[in-house]
Amino acid sequence: MRARAAVHPPEPAATDWLDSEPGLRAAAAELARVLRRGRARWPVTTALALAVSALAVAALARKPPLYRARAILRMTEGAFQDTRRSLARGDLQGYFTQVVLGADTVLPIVRDLARERGMYAAELARGDADAVAAVREDVSVVVFRNFFLIAGSDTRRTVRIAITYRGPDAVGGTALVERLADAVVAHERQRHERATESFEREALAHLQEADAALERLDRELAELRSALAGASRAQRAALSVQQQRIEAQRRAYDAARARARQDLVAAKAWRASPVAVELAQLIAPTPVPAQARKRRLAVVSVLALLALLPVAAVVVGAFDSRVRDAEDIERVGIDALGHIPKFPGYAAGSLADRVAARRERPAERAAAVTAAGVSDRALRA
């Protein structure tokens, strides 16, 4: 006989481990349970929230207040700049940031402030790089442009450069931004003078070159005209072509000399024009009144307490391992048969009662011994 093949029951389909994980409802129910347990121990929860909020407020109170000082520079487009075009804001931002926060600008000012007020003295003692980095953390440069320019008007576009200090030293911060602004104005004045001198030298060189070329062409033209007087008819045709070429070159050099003279006049006028960057406004920080600081600390303490109360309830409820209701028994897999509410005398025989009884027993024994001694003496008498 042929043996029958063993028949095995089908294996259950394998489920993903994600299917066995509790969902959002289970998480919300667990959080609600923990909050209930934290509310049940409200003295501990309130004490924990008060302690943490007090530490936060104390840390905030010990932190020195930050002040903000600002110097605003105004940059006007030059008299010979094309008013239809302007520099990009990113280019201006990068340029002025490099000028204001460059090591050549920052280090002399930081050394003076460290000697006068002790500002950035610790960073300067560690090295110039640390001092420059500390200033760059406290100082920011922002560029604001004026796009509202009426076409055809003589008004030129302006740019505002705000140098802002934010730190604990109000007086030193004001001095820092003011000196940085003065350094920027001095830097732009020197750049203006260098650019003017370069422009003037270039225009003068072009003018001298045009004058020399015109002088040479005039000599060649005079020689050519004298040669034409005694030349034959065949030679005159070639000399006429050469004369036309020299006259064309002379006209080109005349135009170049005129442009060079205009550039020279413009360079002299540019030298006399004012610097395009100037200090427009210096905003000194106003100290925060003590009463306002106290009110702010009070508001922060109340908000911190309200925010920390739920967190403290969760922490206390999560670390509370005592059984308080039937739900706690069911969580460990034990079925709860019922619940007996509190009644008069429900705490009889509890740990607190036994400890209190032990504390009272020595006094009762002493009283009993005293009574027994009195009775013995009375009987003997």
Protein backbone atom coordinates (compact mmCIF):
# COMPACT_ATOMS: atom_id res chain seq x y z
CA MET A 1 0.00 0.00 0.00
CA ARG A 2 1.12 3.44 -0.83
CA ALA A 3 1.76 5.62 2.23
CA ARG A 4 -0.37 8.68 2.50
CA ALA A 5 1.37 12.03 2.72
CA ALA A 6 1.05 13.78 6.04
CA VAL A 7 -1.32 16.72 5.96
CA HIS A 8 -0.17 19.74 7.96
CA PRO A 9 -2.41 22.66 8.84
CA PRO A 10 -1.62 25.88 6.99
CA GLU A 11 0.80 28.18 8.74
CA PRO A 12 -0.59 31.51 9.86
CA ALA A 13 0.35 34.44 7.68
CA ALA A 14 3.28 36.37 9.05
CA THR A 15 2.37 39.85 10.20
CA ASP A 16 4.61 42.87 10.04
CA TRP A 17 6.05 44.17 13.31
CA LEU A 18 4.44 47.51 12.60
CA ASP A 19 1.02 45.87 12.92
CA SER A 20 1.76 44.85 16.49
CA GLU A 21 2.83 48.35 17.54
CA PRO A 22 0.25 50.44 19.44
CA GLY A 23 -1.32 53.25 17.51
CA LEU A 24 -1.94 56.89 18.28
CA ARG A 25 -5.00 56.09 20.35
CA ALA A 26 -2.97 53.86 22.64
CA ALA A 27 -0.32 56.58 22.99
CA ALA A 28 -2.97 59.20 23.78
CA ALA A 29 -4.57 56.89 26.34
CA GLU A 30 -1.20 56.23 27.98
CA LEU A 31 -0.46 59.96 28.13
CA ALA A 32 -3.86 60.64 29.70
CA ARG A 33 -3.23 57.90 32.27
CA VAL A 34 0.17 59.37 33.17
CA LEU A 35 -1.36 62.83 33.51
CA ARG A 36 -4.04 61.46 35.84
CA ARG A 37 -1.39 59.84 38.01
CA GLY A 38 0.57 63.11 38.05
CA ARG A 39 -2.53 65.06 39.10
CA ALA A 40 -3.14 62.54 41.87
CA ARG A 41 0.19 63.60 43.37
CA TRP A 42 -0.38 67.32 42.84
CA PRO A 43 1.90 68.52 45.69
CA VAL A 44 4.92 66.79 44.15
CA THR A 45 3.94 67.90 40.65
CA THR A 46 3.50 71.53 41.71
CA ALA A 47 6.76 71.51 43.68
CA LEU A 48 8.69 70.12 40.70
CA ALA A 49 7.20 72.69 38.31
CA LEU A 50 7.93 75.50 40.77
CA ALA A 51 11.53 74.37 41.23
CA VAL A 52 12.26 74.12 37.50
CA SER A 53 10.57 77.46 36.73
CA ALA A 54 12.47 79.11 39.59
CA LEU A 55 15.76 77.82 38.20
CA ALA A 56 14.86 79.11 34.72
CA VAL A 57 13.87 82.55 36.04
CA ALA A 58 17.01 82.71 38.20
CA ALA A 59 19.18 81.93 35.18
CA LEU A 60 17.37 84.61 33.18
CA ALA A 61 17.75 87.14 35.99
CA ARG A 62 21.48 86.49 36.28
CA LYS A 63 21.96 86.90 32.54
CA PRO A 64 23.07 90.48 31.73
CA PRO A 65 20.63 92.43 29.56
CA LEU A 66 21.49 92.92 25.89
CA TYR A 67 21.54 96.42 24.42
CA ARG A 68 21.34 97.45 20.79
CA ALA A 69 23.30 100.39 19.37
CA ARG A 70 23.06 101.35 15.71
CA ALA A 71 24.88 103.70 13.36
CA ILE A 72 23.22 104.44 10.01
CA LEU A 73 25.32 105.54 7.05
CA ARG A 74 23.89 107.20 3.95
CA MET A 75 25.51 106.45 0.59
CA THR A 76 24.58 108.65 -2.38
CA GLU A 77 25.28 107.76 -6.00
CA GLY A 78 28.18 109.67 -7.46
CA ALA A 79 27.66 112.67 -9.74
CA PHE A 80 29.10 110.80 -12.73
CA GLN A 81 27.42 107.44 -12.10
CA ASP A 82 24.76 106.21 -14.51
CA THR A 83 21.47 106.77 -12.65
CA ARG A 84 19.73 104.11 -14.74
CA ARG A 85 21.85 101.37 -13.25
CA SER A 86 22.85 100.60 -9.69
CA LEU A 87 24.88 98.06 -7.81
CA ALA A 88 23.14 94.90 -6.68
CA ARG A 89 22.14 94.73 -3.03
CA GLY A 90 24.18 91.58 -2.52
CA ASP A 91 27.30 93.30 -3.87
CA LEU A 92 26.79 96.26 -1.55
CA GLN A 93 26.10 93.96 1.40
CA GLY A 94 29.25 91.95 0.81
CA TYR A 95 31.37 95.05 0.16
CA PHE A 96 30.34 96.94 3.29
CA THR A 97 30.47 93.81 5.45
CA GLN A 98 34.05 93.28 4.34
CA VAL A 99 34.90 96.94 4.97
CA VAL A 100 33.19 97.19 8.38
CA LEU A 101 34.14 93.79 9.80
CA GLY A 102 37.54 93.44 8.17
CA ALA A 103 40.51 92.81 10.44
CA ASP A 104 42.21 96.05 9.35
CA THR A 105 39.17 98.03 10.48
CA VAL A 106 38.23 96.08 13.62
CA LEU A 107 41.57 95.49 15.34
CA PRO A 108 42.60 99.15 15.96
CA ILE A 109 39.13 99.94 17.34
CA VAL A 110 39.09 96.84 19.56
CA ARG A 111 42.53 97.69 20.98
CA ASP A 112 41.34 101.20 21.86
CA LEU A 113 38.13 99.91 23.50
CA ALA A 114 40.04 97.26 25.45
CA ARG A 115 42.39 99.92 26.79
CA GLU A 116 39.59 102.40 27.58
CA ARG A 117 36.75 100.16 28.84
CA GLY A 118 38.13 96.62 28.99
CA MET A 119 35.80 95.65 26.15
CA TYR A 120 36.90 92.45 24.35
CA ALA A 121 40.01 92.39 26.55
CA ALA A 122 39.78 88.63 27.21
CA GLU A 123 39.30 87.83 23.52
CA LEU A 124 42.17 90.15 22.56
CA ALA A 125 44.42 88.41 25.10
CA ARG A 126 43.76 85.09 23.36
CA GLY A 127 44.66 86.51 19.98
CA ASP A 128 43.61 88.92 17.25
CA ALA A 129 41.54 86.28 15.48
CA ASP A 130 39.40 85.67 18.59
CA ALA A 131 38.83 89.42 19.04
CA VAL A 132 37.73 89.86 15.41
CA ALA A 133 35.45 86.81 15.69
CA ALA A 134 33.84 88.19 18.87
CA VAL A 135 33.13 91.53 17.18
CA ARG A 136 31.64 89.77 14.17
CA GLU A 137 29.28 87.87 16.50
CA ASP A 138 28.06 91.10 18.12
CA VAL A 139 27.96 93.38 15.05
CA SER A 140 25.81 92.99 11.94
CA VAL A 141 25.68 95.01 8.71
CA VAL A 142 22.43 95.43 6.75
CA VAL A 143 21.92 97.41 3.52
CA PHE A 144 18.62 99.17 2.73
CA ARG A 145 18.16 100.60 -0.76
CA ASN A 146 15.93 103.40 -2.02
CA PHE A 147 14.19 102.30 -5.23
CA PHE A 148 11.77 105.23 -5.35
CA LEU A 149 13.52 107.35 -7.96
CA ILE A 150 11.53 109.53 -10.34
CA ALA A 151 12.72 109.17 -13.92
CA GLY A 152 14.33 112.32 -15.28
CA SER A 153 14.81 113.98 -11.87
CA ASP A 154 18.11 115.21 -10.46
CA THR A 155 17.62 113.20 -7.29
CA ARG A 156 20.10 110.38 -6.98
CA ARG A 157 19.46 107.03 -5.38
CA THR A 158 20.57 106.57 -1.80
CA VAL A 159 21.50 103.52 0.22
CA ARG A 160 21.33 103.15 4.00
CA ILE A 161 23.95 100.98 5.70
CA ALA A 162 22.97 100.00 9.26
CA ILE A 163 25.79 98.90 11.57
CA THR A 164 24.14 97.29 14.61
CA TYR A 165 25.73 96.13 17.86
CA ARG A 166 23.89 93.78 20.22
CA GLY A 167 25.60 93.00 23.49
CA PRO A 168 25.79 93.66 27.24
CA ASP A 169 27.79 96.93 27.09
CA ALA A 170 25.57 99.86 26.10
CA VAL A 171 28.19 102.63 26.20
CA GLY A 172 30.91 100.49 24.63
CA GLY A 173 28.53 99.28 21.93
CA THR A 174 27.65 102.86 20.99
CA ALA A 175 31.33 103.78 20.81
CA LEU A 176 32.03 100.66 18.74
CA VAL A 177 29.41 101.32 16.05
CA GLU A 178 30.30 105.04 15.93
CA ARG A 179 33.99 104.29 15.38
CA LEU A 180 33.17 101.63 12.81
CA ALA A 181 31.04 104.17 10.95
CA ASP A 182 33.85 106.73 11.09
CA ALA A 183 36.25 104.09 9.77
CA VAL A 184 33.92 103.36 6.86
CA VAL A 185 33.64 107.08 6.02
CA ALA A 186 37.43 107.46 6.18
CA HIS A 187 37.88 104.35 4.02
CA GLU A 188 35.44 105.67 1.42
CA ARG A 189 37.14 109.10 1.46
CA GLN A 190 40.51 107.48 0.78
CA ARG A 191 38.99 105.30 -1.93
CA HIS A 192 37.38 108.41 -3.44
CA GLU A 193 40.71 110.22 -3.50
CA ARG A 194 42.54 107.26 -5.01
CA ALA A 195 39.89 106.80 -7.69
CA THR A 196 39.93 110.54 -8.47
CA GLU A 197 43.71 110.60 -8.79
CA SER A 198 43.68 107.55 -11.02
CA PHE A 199 40.94 109.03 -13.21
CA GLU A 200 42.78 112.33 -13.46
CA ARG A 201 46.11 110.68 -14.32
CA GLU A 202 44.43 108.58 -17.00
CA ALA A 203 42.67 111.60 -18.53
CA LEU A 204 45.90 113.62 -18.48
CA ALA A 205 47.82 110.77 -20.12
CA HIS A 206 45.21 110.52 -22.88
CA LEU A 207 45.35 114.29 -23.41
CA GLN A 208 49.14 114.28 -23.66
CA GLU A 209 49.03 111.34 -26.03
CA ALA A 210 46.47 113.10 -28.24
CA ASP A 211 48.52 116.37 -28.23
CA ALA A 212 51.69 114.50 -29.20
CA ALA A 213 49.91 112.63 -31.98
CA LEU A 214 48.34 115.84 -33.32
CA GLU A 215 51.72 117.58 -33.28
CA ARG A 216 53.27 114.73 -35.23
CA LEU A 217 50.38 114.66 -37.73
CA ASP A 218 50.64 118.44 -38.21
CA ARG A 219 54.32 118.09 -39.10
CA GLU A 220 53.59 115.27 -41.51
CA LEU A 221 50.75 117.27 -43.08
CA ALA A 222 53.00 120.34 -43.51
CA GLU A 223 55.71 118.24 -45.15
CA LEU A 224 53.12 116.62 -47.42
CA ARG A 225 51.73 119.98 -48.52
CA SER A 226 55.19 121.27 -49.38
CA ALA A 227 55.85 118.10 -51.38
CA LEU A 228 52.59 118.56 -53.27
CA ALA A 229 53.70 122.00 -54.48
CA GLY A 230 56.60 120.61 -56.59
CA ALA A 231 55.20 117.16 -57.37
CA SER A 232 54.14 115.93 -60.80
CA ARG A 233 50.59 114.96 -61.70
CA ALA A 234 51.24 111.25 -61.13
CA GLN A 235 52.82 111.92 -57.73
CA ARG A 236 50.01 114.24 -56.66
CA ALA A 237 47.41 111.44 -56.81
CA ALA A 238 49.40 109.29 -54.34
CA LEU A 239 50.18 112.28 -52.12
CA SER A 240 46.48 113.26 -52.05
CA VAL A 241 45.50 109.83 -50.79
CA GLN A 242 48.15 110.07 -48.08
CA GLN A 243 46.93 113.57 -47.18
CA GLN A 244 43.35 112.31 -46.75
CA ARG A 245 44.55 109.50 -44.48
CA ILE A 246 46.53 111.92 -42.29
CA GLU A 247 43.59 114.33 -42.08
CA ALA A 248 41.28 111.46 -41.02
CA GLN A 249 43.76 110.48 -38.29
CA ARG A 250 43.95 114.10 -37.19
CA ARG A 251 40.18 114.34 -36.86
CA ALA A 252 40.16 111.14 -34.76
CA TYR A 253 42.87 112.52 -32.46
CA ASP A 254 40.99 115.82 -32.22
CA ALA A 255 37.94 113.93 -30.94
CA ALA A 256 40.15 111.93 -28.54
CA ARG A 257 41.70 115.15 -27.21
CA ALA A 258 38.25 116.65 -26.69
CA ARG A 259 37.14 113.58 -24.74
CA ALA A 260 40.36 113.66 -22.69
CA ARG A 261 39.75 117.32 -21.82
CA GLN A 262 36.20 116.53 -20.76
CA ASP A 263 37.45 113.65 -18.60
CA LEU A 264 40.04 115.94 -17.03
CA VAL A 265 37.41 118.54 -16.19
CA ALA A 266 35.15 115.81 -14.81
CA ALA A 267 38.00 114.44 -12.67
CA LYS A 268 38.65 117.88 -11.18
CA ALA A 269 34.94 118.30 -10.47
CA TRP A 270 34.80 114.79 -8.94
CA ARG A 271 37.72 115.70 -6.66
CA ALA A 272 35.76 118.69 -5.41
CA SER A 273 32.53 116.71 -4.93
CA PRO A 274 31.71 115.48 -1.39
CA VAL A 275 32.26 111.89 -0.28
CA ALA A 276 29.31 109.65 -1.18
CA VAL A 277 29.18 107.98 2.29
CA GLU A 278 28.36 109.91 5.45
CA LEU A 279 27.02 109.25 8.95
CA ALA A 280 23.28 109.89 8.86
CA GLN A 281 22.16 108.86 12.37
CA LEU A 282 23.56 107.37 15.56
CA ILE A 283 21.02 105.50 17.72
CA ALA A 284 22.22 104.95 21.28
CA PRO A 285 20.60 102.16 23.34
CA THR A 286 18.18 103.04 26.09
CA PRO A 287 18.70 101.11 29.36
CA VAL A 288 15.80 98.92 30.46
CA PRO A 289 14.19 100.29 33.69
CA ALA A 290 14.42 98.07 36.75
CA GLN A 291 10.65 98.00 37.18
CA ALA A 292 10.12 96.84 33.60
CA ARG A 293 12.75 94.15 34.07
CA LYS A 294 10.96 92.91 37.20
CA ARG A 295 7.62 92.82 35.38
CA ARG A 296 9.16 90.85 32.56
CA LEU A 297 10.65 88.34 34.99
CA ALA A 298 7.25 87.98 36.69
CA VAL A 299 5.52 87.32 33.37
CA VAL A 300 8.21 84.83 32.37
CA SER A 301 7.89 83.01 35.70
CA VAL A 302 4.10 82.67 35.34
CA LEU A 303 4.36 81.45 31.76
CA ALA A 304 7.14 79.02 32.67
CA LEU A 305 5.07 77.60 35.54
CA LEU A 306 2.01 77.12 33.32
CA ALA A 307 4.12 75.46 30.63
CA LEU A 308 5.97 73.20 33.06
CA LEU A 309 2.96 71.96 35.01
CA PRO A 310 1.89 69.39 32.33
CA VAL A 311 5.51 68.32 31.86
CA ALA A 312 5.97 67.86 35.59
CA ALA A 313 2.71 65.86 35.77
CA VAL A 314 3.95 63.54 33.02
CA VAL A 315 7.31 63.07 34.75
CA VAL A 316 5.78 62.39 38.17
CA GLY A 317 3.13 60.07 36.72
CA ALA A 318 5.68 58.13 34.67
CA PHE A 319 7.95 57.45 37.65
CA ASP A 320 5.11 56.65 40.09
CA SER A 321 5.00 52.83 40.42
CA ARG A 322 2.28 52.52 43.08
CA VAL A 323 -1.08 50.94 42.35
CA ARG A 324 -3.78 53.56 42.61
CA ASP A 325 -6.81 52.23 40.70
CA ALA A 326 -8.10 49.24 38.78
CA GLU A 327 -6.49 50.46 35.58
CA ASP A 328 -3.03 49.99 37.08
CA ILE A 329 -3.85 46.36 37.93
CA GLU A 330 -5.16 45.62 34.45
CA ARG A 331 -1.95 46.98 32.88
CA VAL A 332 0.05 44.12 34.44
CA GLY A 333 -2.38 41.49 33.12
CA ILE A 334 -4.50 40.93 36.28
CA ASP A 335 -8.25 41.17 36.06
CA ALA A 336 -9.76 43.62 38.51
CA LEU A 337 -12.83 42.15 40.26
CA GLY A 338 -13.99 45.36 41.85
CA HIS A 339 -13.10 48.54 43.66
CA ILE A 340 -13.89 49.49 47.29
CA PRO A 341 -14.17 53.27 47.72
CA LYS A 342 -12.92 55.08 50.78
CA PHE A 343 -14.99 54.79 53.97
CA PRO A 344 -14.60 55.95 57.57
CA GLY A 345 -11.79 53.97 59.14
CA TYR A 346 -10.44 52.60 55.85
CA ALA A 347 -6.88 53.54 56.95
CA ALA A 348 -7.00 51.42 60.15
CA GLY A 349 -4.02 49.13 60.29
CA SER A 350 -2.15 50.99 57.59
CA LEU A 351 1.56 51.66 57.71
CA ALA A 352 1.02 55.21 58.88
CA ASP A 353 -1.17 54.04 61.77
CA ARG A 354 1.35 51.40 62.84
CA VAL A 355 4.20 53.88 62.81
CA ALA A 356 2.13 56.31 64.88
CA ALA A 357 1.24 53.54 67.32
CA ARG A 358 4.91 52.63 67.74
CA ARG A 359 5.72 56.23 68.51
CA GLU A 360 2.95 56.39 71.16
CA ARG A 361 3.83 53.08 72.91
CA PRO A 362 6.87 54.31 74.90
CA ALA A 363 4.77 57.09 76.43
CA GLU A 364 1.96 54.65 77.31
CA ARG A 365 4.45 52.25 78.91
CA ALA A 366 6.01 55.03 80.99
CA ALA A 367 2.57 56.11 82.16
CA ALA A 368 1.67 52.52 83.05
CA VAL A 369 4.90 52.01 85.03
CA THR A 370 4.33 55.24 86.90
CA ALA A 371 0.77 54.21 87.81
CA ALA A 372 1.96 50.77 88.99
CA GLY A 373 4.64 52.32 91.22
CA VAL A 374 2.12 54.64 92.83
CA SER A 375 -0.23 51.69 93.58
CA ASP A 376 2.57 49.67 95.22
CA ARG A 377 3.54 52.51 97.51
CA ALA A 378 -0.08 53.08 98.45
CA LEU A 379 -0.51 49.39 99.42
CA ARG A 380 2.67 49.37 101.47
CA ALA A 381 1.59 52.43 103.33
